[in-house]
Amino acid sequence: MCTSEEILNLVNNYLSTLANDRQPDSLYAPIQYVLSIGGKRIRPVLTMLAYNMYRDDVEQILPVACGIETYHNYTLLHDDLMDKASLRRGHQTVHEKWDANTAILSGDSMLVLAYRQIAMSAPDKLKAVLDLFTETALEIGEGQQYDMDFEHRNDVSEDEYIEMIRLKTSVLLACSLKTGAILAGAPDEEQDLLYKFGEQIGLAFQLQDDYLDVYGDTKVFGKAIGGDITSNKKTYMLINALNRADDRQRQQLEHWINLADFNQEEKIQAVTRIYNEIGIDKLAQEKIANYFEQSRQYLDNLGVSRSKQEELRLYASNMMNRKY
């Protein structure tokens, strides 16, 4: 069995060589740049950990796993452009370092490269893998559109938000795990259990992002906290605060949401104070713990031995105990 660290090294080494033999450099340099600036590589690691529970030859699926990671980074490249973000992982975004047209075209090429890598699946597994990946890619676009639609609403329900993050974030984690299981020849029911496991940890992971943006330690989190508050991003925190606030609290929240000119630190402190009054911090922690507990129940029903699940369980636990 490989450790997650060993798999991470394999992934990083593979990605460092992706498309480095193609021209023109002006098209492929931004792709190599995006793939070189880090990231947790959660999705390819999950793909290979799932595969490794059933088979030992994990390097056989390295191209497919890295195809999923290439696709993930393609979505980030275009998200940054849509959000007009200037930084990603502490580095300039592609549209800032180059320009918007380069970001669009290099992003499109990343999507094609992702499909090319995924098409390296074993021939007898190719249709199942491509069908799953294509459906997942469509769902992620749907999630992104819901997220954009929510920017113009103050009446988003918790259920709507959970469905949005399921589509935008969870389904790719679920796809990663199920892809590993498909390629390993795991039974259909176990493929589905791993998919559901991925959905649950994906929901917990995104809610944890929402929580850390408000309550994280700036030194550990790696960026200033409160960005979601200053941008009025519809997160689990804000949606539940709006839906649970009394008249006074809602009036205060709407004041800060509608205020065009404000002191950032003052707004963060004021909105966080309202969150604390309502108990949003505890609500989020309970929801995260609940999704994580549900995820473990799906692993409990797998037919593979607990010892073969150990590395995946440990990796998921580390995901949930992160501070950044």
Protein backbone atom coordinates (compact mmCIF):
# COMPACT_ATOMS: atom_id res chain seq x y z
CA MET A 1 0.00 0.00 0.00
CA CYS A 2 1.24 3.49 -0.85
CA THR A 3 1.03 6.36 1.60
CA SER A 4 -0.71 9.56 0.59
CA GLU A 5 2.68 11.30 0.67
CA GLU A 6 4.16 8.79 -1.79
CA ILE A 7 1.18 9.28 -4.09
CA LEU A 8 1.48 13.06 -3.81
CA ASN A 9 5.10 12.85 -4.97
CA LEU A 10 4.09 10.72 -7.97
CA VAL A 11 1.37 13.23 -8.89
CA ASN A 12 3.62 16.28 -8.60
CA ASN A 13 6.36 14.64 -10.67
CA TYR A 14 3.90 13.71 -13.40
CA LEU A 15 2.26 17.15 -13.53
CA SER A 16 5.65 18.83 -13.81
CA THR A 17 6.10 17.18 -17.23
CA LEU A 18 2.59 17.70 -18.60
CA ALA A 19 2.56 19.34 -22.04
CA ASN A 20 6.15 20.56 -21.71
CA ASP A 21 6.92 19.22 -25.19
CA ARG A 22 4.24 21.27 -26.96
CA GLN A 23 4.32 24.66 -28.63
CA PRO A 24 3.65 27.55 -28.69
CA ASP A 25 5.10 28.37 -25.32
CA SER A 26 2.72 31.33 -24.96
CA LEU A 27 -0.17 28.83 -24.81
CA TYR A 28 1.40 26.16 -22.61
CA ALA A 29 3.52 28.25 -20.22
CA PRO A 30 0.43 29.46 -18.34
CA ILE A 31 -0.73 25.85 -17.96
CA GLN A 32 2.63 24.76 -16.59
CA TYR A 33 2.57 27.81 -14.31
CA VAL A 34 -0.86 26.96 -12.88
CA LEU A 35 0.15 23.36 -12.23
CA SER A 36 3.44 24.39 -10.63
CA ILE A 37 2.17 26.76 -7.94
CA GLY A 38 1.08 24.05 -5.57
CA GLY A 39 -2.21 22.84 -4.24
CA LYS A 40 -3.15 19.95 -2.00
CA ARG A 41 -3.74 17.57 -4.96
CA ILE A 42 -6.64 16.07 -3.02
CA ARG A 43 -8.47 14.73 -6.05
CA PRO A 44 -5.70 12.64 -7.65
CA VAL A 45 -4.61 11.40 -4.23
CA LEU A 46 -8.17 10.22 -3.51
CA THR A 47 -8.34 8.53 -6.92
CA MET A 48 -5.17 6.58 -6.29
CA LEU A 49 -5.96 5.76 -2.65
CA ALA A 50 -9.30 4.30 -3.73
CA TYR A 51 -7.60 2.26 -6.46
CA ASN A 52 -4.89 1.10 -4.05
CA MET A 53 -7.46 -0.52 -1.75
CA TYR A 54 -8.08 -3.07 -4.51
CA ARG A 55 -4.86 -3.15 -6.55
CA ASP A 56 -1.19 -2.43 -5.92
CA ASP A 57 -0.08 -1.04 -9.31
CA VAL A 58 -1.13 2.55 -8.57
CA GLU A 59 1.23 4.07 -11.15
CA GLN A 60 -0.93 2.54 -13.87
CA ILE A 61 -3.66 5.12 -13.23
CA LEU A 62 -1.39 8.12 -12.70
CA PRO A 63 -2.34 9.77 -16.05
CA VAL A 64 -6.06 9.49 -15.25
CA ALA A 65 -5.65 10.80 -11.71
CA CYS A 66 -3.60 13.73 -13.02
CA GLY A 67 -6.24 14.35 -15.69
CA ILE A 68 -8.74 14.98 -12.90
CA GLU A 69 -6.29 17.38 -11.23
CA THR A 70 -5.69 19.16 -14.55
CA TYR A 71 -9.43 19.61 -14.95
CA HIS A 72 -9.73 20.95 -11.38
CA ASN A 73 -7.04 23.54 -12.06
CA TYR A 74 -8.75 24.51 -15.31
CA THR A 75 -11.90 25.35 -13.32
CA LEU A 76 -9.82 27.45 -10.90
CA LEU A 77 -8.17 29.34 -13.76
CA HIS A 78 -11.56 30.30 -15.21
CA ASP A 79 -13.07 30.97 -11.75
CA ASP A 80 -10.26 33.43 -11.04
CA LEU A 81 -10.99 35.21 -14.31
CA MET A 82 -14.73 35.42 -13.56
CA ASP A 83 -14.04 36.63 -10.00
CA LYS A 84 -11.34 39.06 -11.16
CA ALA A 85 -9.11 37.51 -8.48
CA SER A 86 -5.53 38.75 -8.42
CA LEU A 87 -3.97 35.93 -6.40
CA ARG A 88 -4.20 32.12 -6.27
CA ARG A 89 -2.16 30.26 -3.65
CA GLY A 90 -0.16 33.42 -3.06
CA HIS A 91 0.80 33.81 -6.75
CA GLN A 92 -0.54 36.01 -9.51
CA THR A 93 -3.50 34.53 -11.35
CA VAL A 94 -3.04 33.81 -15.06
CA HIS A 95 -5.15 36.72 -16.28
CA GLU A 96 -3.08 39.06 -14.08
CA LYS A 97 0.30 37.60 -15.05
CA TRP A 98 -0.63 37.39 -18.75
CA ASP A 99 -4.09 38.63 -19.81
CA ALA A 100 -7.73 37.56 -19.98
CA ASN A 101 -7.53 36.14 -23.50
CA THR A 102 -4.57 33.97 -22.52
CA ALA A 103 -6.47 32.74 -19.45
CA ILE A 104 -9.43 31.73 -21.62
CA LEU A 105 -7.43 29.94 -24.29
CA SER A 106 -4.94 28.25 -21.95
CA GLY A 107 -7.86 27.18 -19.77
CA ASP A 108 -9.62 25.66 -22.76
CA SER A 109 -6.44 23.76 -23.62
CA MET A 110 -6.21 22.51 -20.03
CA LEU A 111 -9.68 21.02 -20.41
CA VAL A 112 -8.62 19.20 -23.57
CA LEU A 113 -5.44 17.97 -21.86
CA ALA A 114 -7.55 16.70 -18.97
CA TYR A 115 -9.72 14.66 -21.32
CA ARG A 116 -6.64 13.32 -23.09
CA GLN A 117 -5.21 12.09 -19.78
CA ILE A 118 -8.50 10.56 -18.67
CA ALA A 119 -8.80 8.80 -22.04
CA MET A 120 -5.69 6.81 -21.04
CA SER A 121 -7.97 4.61 -18.92
CA ALA A 122 -7.89 0.89 -19.57
CA PRO A 123 -10.02 0.24 -22.71
CA ASP A 124 -12.58 -1.89 -20.85
CA LYS A 125 -13.06 0.86 -18.24
CA LEU A 126 -12.89 3.87 -20.56
CA LYS A 127 -16.62 4.38 -21.22
CA ALA A 128 -17.56 4.17 -17.54
CA VAL A 129 -14.79 6.62 -16.56
CA LEU A 130 -15.61 9.11 -19.35
CA ASP A 131 -19.35 8.95 -18.65
CA LEU A 132 -18.76 9.67 -14.97
CA PHE A 133 -16.26 12.45 -15.64
CA THR A 134 -18.42 14.16 -18.26
CA GLU A 135 -21.51 14.13 -16.01
CA THR A 136 -19.37 15.51 -13.18
CA ALA A 137 -18.01 18.32 -15.37
CA LEU A 138 -21.56 19.32 -16.32
CA GLU A 139 -22.62 19.31 -12.66
CA ILE A 140 -19.68 21.53 -11.68
CA GLY A 141 -20.75 24.10 -14.28
CA GLU A 142 -24.28 23.97 -12.86
CA GLY A 143 -22.93 24.53 -9.36
CA GLN A 144 -20.88 27.50 -10.53
CA GLN A 145 -23.96 29.04 -12.14
CA TYR A 146 -26.00 28.61 -8.95
CA ASP A 147 -23.17 30.28 -7.03
CA MET A 148 -23.28 33.22 -9.43
CA ASP A 149 -27.08 33.42 -9.20
CA PHE A 150 -26.89 33.51 -5.39
CA GLU A 151 -24.81 36.70 -5.54
CA HIS A 152 -28.00 38.60 -6.35
CA ARG A 153 -30.20 37.02 -3.66
CA ASN A 154 -30.51 37.44 0.11
CA ASP A 155 -33.10 34.68 0.47
CA VAL A 156 -30.93 31.63 -0.35
CA SER A 157 -31.95 28.67 1.80
CA GLU A 158 -29.53 26.30 3.50
CA ASP A 159 -30.78 23.44 1.32
CA GLU A 160 -30.11 25.46 -1.84
CA TYR A 161 -26.63 26.27 -0.63
CA ILE A 162 -25.82 22.65 0.24
CA GLU A 163 -26.94 21.55 -3.22
CA MET A 164 -24.80 24.26 -4.80
CA ILE A 165 -21.62 23.19 -2.97
CA ARG A 166 -22.44 19.54 -3.66
CA LEU A 167 -22.37 20.34 -7.37
CA LYS A 168 -19.51 22.83 -7.32
CA THR A 169 -17.15 20.99 -4.96
CA SER A 170 -18.33 17.59 -3.71
CA VAL A 171 -19.06 15.81 -6.96
CA LEU A 172 -15.45 16.06 -8.16
CA LEU A 173 -14.17 14.46 -4.94
CA ALA A 174 -16.83 11.78 -5.35
CA CYS A 175 -15.88 11.31 -9.02
CA SER A 176 -12.22 10.98 -8.07
CA LEU A 177 -12.88 8.17 -5.61
CA LYS A 178 -15.31 6.32 -7.86
CA THR A 179 -12.92 6.62 -10.82
CA GLY A 180 -10.21 4.90 -8.77
CA ALA A 181 -12.66 2.16 -7.85
CA ILE A 182 -13.83 1.71 -11.47
CA LEU A 183 -10.26 1.41 -12.72
CA ALA A 184 -9.47 -1.12 -9.99
CA GLY A 185 -12.44 -3.27 -11.00
CA ALA A 186 -14.21 -2.84 -7.66
CA PRO A 187 -17.79 -4.13 -7.40
CA ASP A 188 -20.47 -1.64 -8.52
CA GLU A 189 -21.91 -1.28 -5.02
CA GLU A 190 -18.49 -0.40 -3.63
CA GLN A 191 -17.96 2.16 -6.39
CA ASP A 192 -21.21 3.79 -5.29
CA LEU A 193 -20.26 3.69 -1.60
CA LEU A 194 -16.99 5.47 -2.37
CA TYR A 195 -18.87 8.05 -4.44
CA LYS A 196 -21.21 8.77 -1.53
CA PHE A 197 -18.24 8.91 0.83
CA GLY A 198 -16.67 11.54 -1.44
CA GLU A 199 -19.87 13.58 -1.54
CA GLN A 200 -20.02 13.75 2.24
CA ILE A 201 -16.38 14.68 2.79
CA GLY A 202 -16.71 17.24 -0.01
CA LEU A 203 -19.60 18.92 1.79
CA ALA A 204 -17.68 18.89 5.06
CA PHE A 205 -14.59 20.23 3.31
CA GLN A 206 -16.41 23.20 1.74
CA LEU A 207 -18.24 24.06 4.96
CA GLN A 208 -14.89 23.98 6.71
CA ASP A 209 -13.61 26.53 4.17
CA ASP A 210 -16.55 28.78 5.05
CA TYR A 211 -15.81 28.39 8.74
CA LEU A 212 -12.06 28.98 8.44
CA ASP A 213 -12.57 32.14 6.42
CA VAL A 214 -14.23 33.63 9.50
CA TYR A 215 -12.61 31.81 12.42
CA GLY A 216 -9.28 30.61 11.03
CA ASP A 217 -5.89 31.74 12.29
CA THR A 218 -4.45 34.10 9.67
CA LYS A 219 -0.91 32.82 10.27
CA VAL A 220 -1.98 29.21 9.70
CA PHE A 221 -4.72 29.88 7.12
CA GLY A 222 -2.17 31.56 4.86
CA LYS A 223 -4.36 34.52 3.96
CA ALA A 224 -6.33 37.22 5.70
CA ILE A 225 -9.58 35.97 7.16
CA GLY A 226 -12.90 37.65 6.47
CA GLY A 227 -12.68 37.78 2.69
CA ASP A 228 -16.09 36.13 2.33
CA ILE A 229 -17.58 38.72 4.71
CA THR A 230 -16.16 41.76 2.91
CA SER A 231 -17.32 40.43 -0.49
CA ASN A 232 -20.80 39.44 0.81
CA LYS A 233 -20.22 35.89 -0.46
CA LYS A 234 -23.21 33.66 0.18
CA THR A 235 -21.60 31.09 2.45
CA TYR A 236 -23.12 28.68 4.95
CA MET A 237 -22.30 31.28 7.59
CA LEU A 238 -24.03 34.27 5.99
CA ILE A 239 -27.03 32.31 4.70
CA ASN A 240 -27.77 30.87 8.14
CA ALA A 241 -27.19 34.23 9.81
CA LEU A 242 -29.71 35.90 7.48
CA ASN A 243 -32.23 33.09 7.94
CA ARG A 244 -31.89 32.91 11.75
CA ALA A 245 -31.38 36.58 12.64
CA ASP A 246 -33.93 38.53 14.64
CA ASP A 247 -35.13 41.87 13.28
CA ARG A 248 -32.25 43.83 14.83
CA GLN A 249 -29.58 41.40 13.68
CA ARG A 250 -31.00 41.18 10.17
CA GLN A 251 -31.13 44.96 9.92
CA GLN A 252 -27.47 45.14 10.93
CA LEU A 253 -26.46 42.40 8.48
CA GLU A 254 -28.30 44.07 5.61
CA HIS A 255 -26.69 47.39 6.53
CA TRP A 256 -23.21 45.88 6.12
CA ILE A 257 -24.19 43.92 2.98
CA ASN A 258 -25.54 47.03 1.26
CA LEU A 259 -22.79 49.40 2.39
CA ALA A 260 -20.63 50.30 -0.60
CA ASP A 261 -17.92 52.22 1.27
CA PHE A 262 -16.66 50.63 4.49
CA ASN A 263 -13.66 49.83 6.64
CA GLN A 264 -12.89 46.17 6.02
CA GLU A 265 -11.77 45.36 9.55
CA GLU A 266 -14.81 47.09 11.02
CA LYS A 267 -17.16 45.12 8.77
CA ILE A 268 -15.47 41.80 9.56
CA GLN A 269 -15.68 42.43 13.30
CA ALA A 270 -19.31 43.58 13.15
CA VAL A 271 -20.54 40.64 11.05
CA THR A 272 -18.52 38.12 13.09
CA ARG A 273 -20.06 39.52 16.26
CA ILE A 274 -23.53 38.88 14.81
CA TYR A 275 -22.49 35.34 13.83
CA ASN A 276 -21.37 34.75 17.43
CA GLU A 277 -24.65 36.08 18.82
CA ILE A 278 -26.66 33.72 16.63
CA GLY A 279 -24.32 30.78 17.24
CA ILE A 280 -23.32 30.32 13.60
CA ASP A 281 -19.85 29.08 14.61
CA LYS A 282 -21.26 26.15 16.61
CA LEU A 283 -23.88 25.45 13.95
CA ALA A 284 -21.18 25.15 11.29
CA GLN A 285 -18.95 22.94 13.44
CA GLU A 286 -21.86 20.58 14.13
CA LYS A 287 -22.76 20.40 10.44
CA ILE A 288 -19.14 19.65 9.45
CA ALA A 289 -18.90 16.91 12.08
CA ASN A 290 -22.20 15.43 10.92
CA TYR A 291 -21.12 15.16 7.28
CA PHE A 292 -17.80 13.66 8.29
CA GLU A 293 -19.51 11.06 10.48
CA GLN A 294 -21.87 10.15 7.64
CA SER A 295 -18.89 9.75 5.30
CA ARG A 296 -17.27 7.20 7.60
CA GLN A 297 -20.42 5.10 7.62
CA TYR A 298 -20.07 4.56 3.87
CA LEU A 299 -16.52 3.29 4.36
CA ASP A 300 -17.75 0.95 7.10
CA ASN A 301 -19.89 -0.82 4.49
CA LEU A 302 -17.03 -1.52 2.08
CA GLY A 303 -16.06 -5.13 1.54
CA VAL A 304 -12.31 -4.47 1.65
CA SER A 305 -10.55 -5.02 4.95
CA ARG A 306 -10.10 -2.21 7.46
CA SER A 307 -6.33 -2.44 7.03
CA LYS A 308 -6.64 -1.69 3.31
CA GLN A 309 -8.87 1.29 4.10
CA GLU A 310 -6.46 2.69 6.67
CA GLU A 311 -4.59 5.15 4.44
CA LEU A 312 -7.79 6.56 2.94
CA ARG A 313 -9.36 6.94 6.40
CA LEU A 314 -6.24 8.67 7.69
CA TYR A 315 -6.15 11.00 4.70
CA ALA A 316 -9.82 11.94 5.12
CA SER A 317 -9.30 12.54 8.82
CA ASN A 318 -6.38 14.87 8.09
CA MET A 319 -8.57 16.75 5.60
CA MET A 320 -11.15 17.36 8.30
CA ASN A 321 -8.62 18.40 10.94
CA ARG A 322 -6.90 20.97 8.76
CA LYS A 323 -6.47 24.57 9.85
CA TYR A 324 -6.01 25.96 6.34
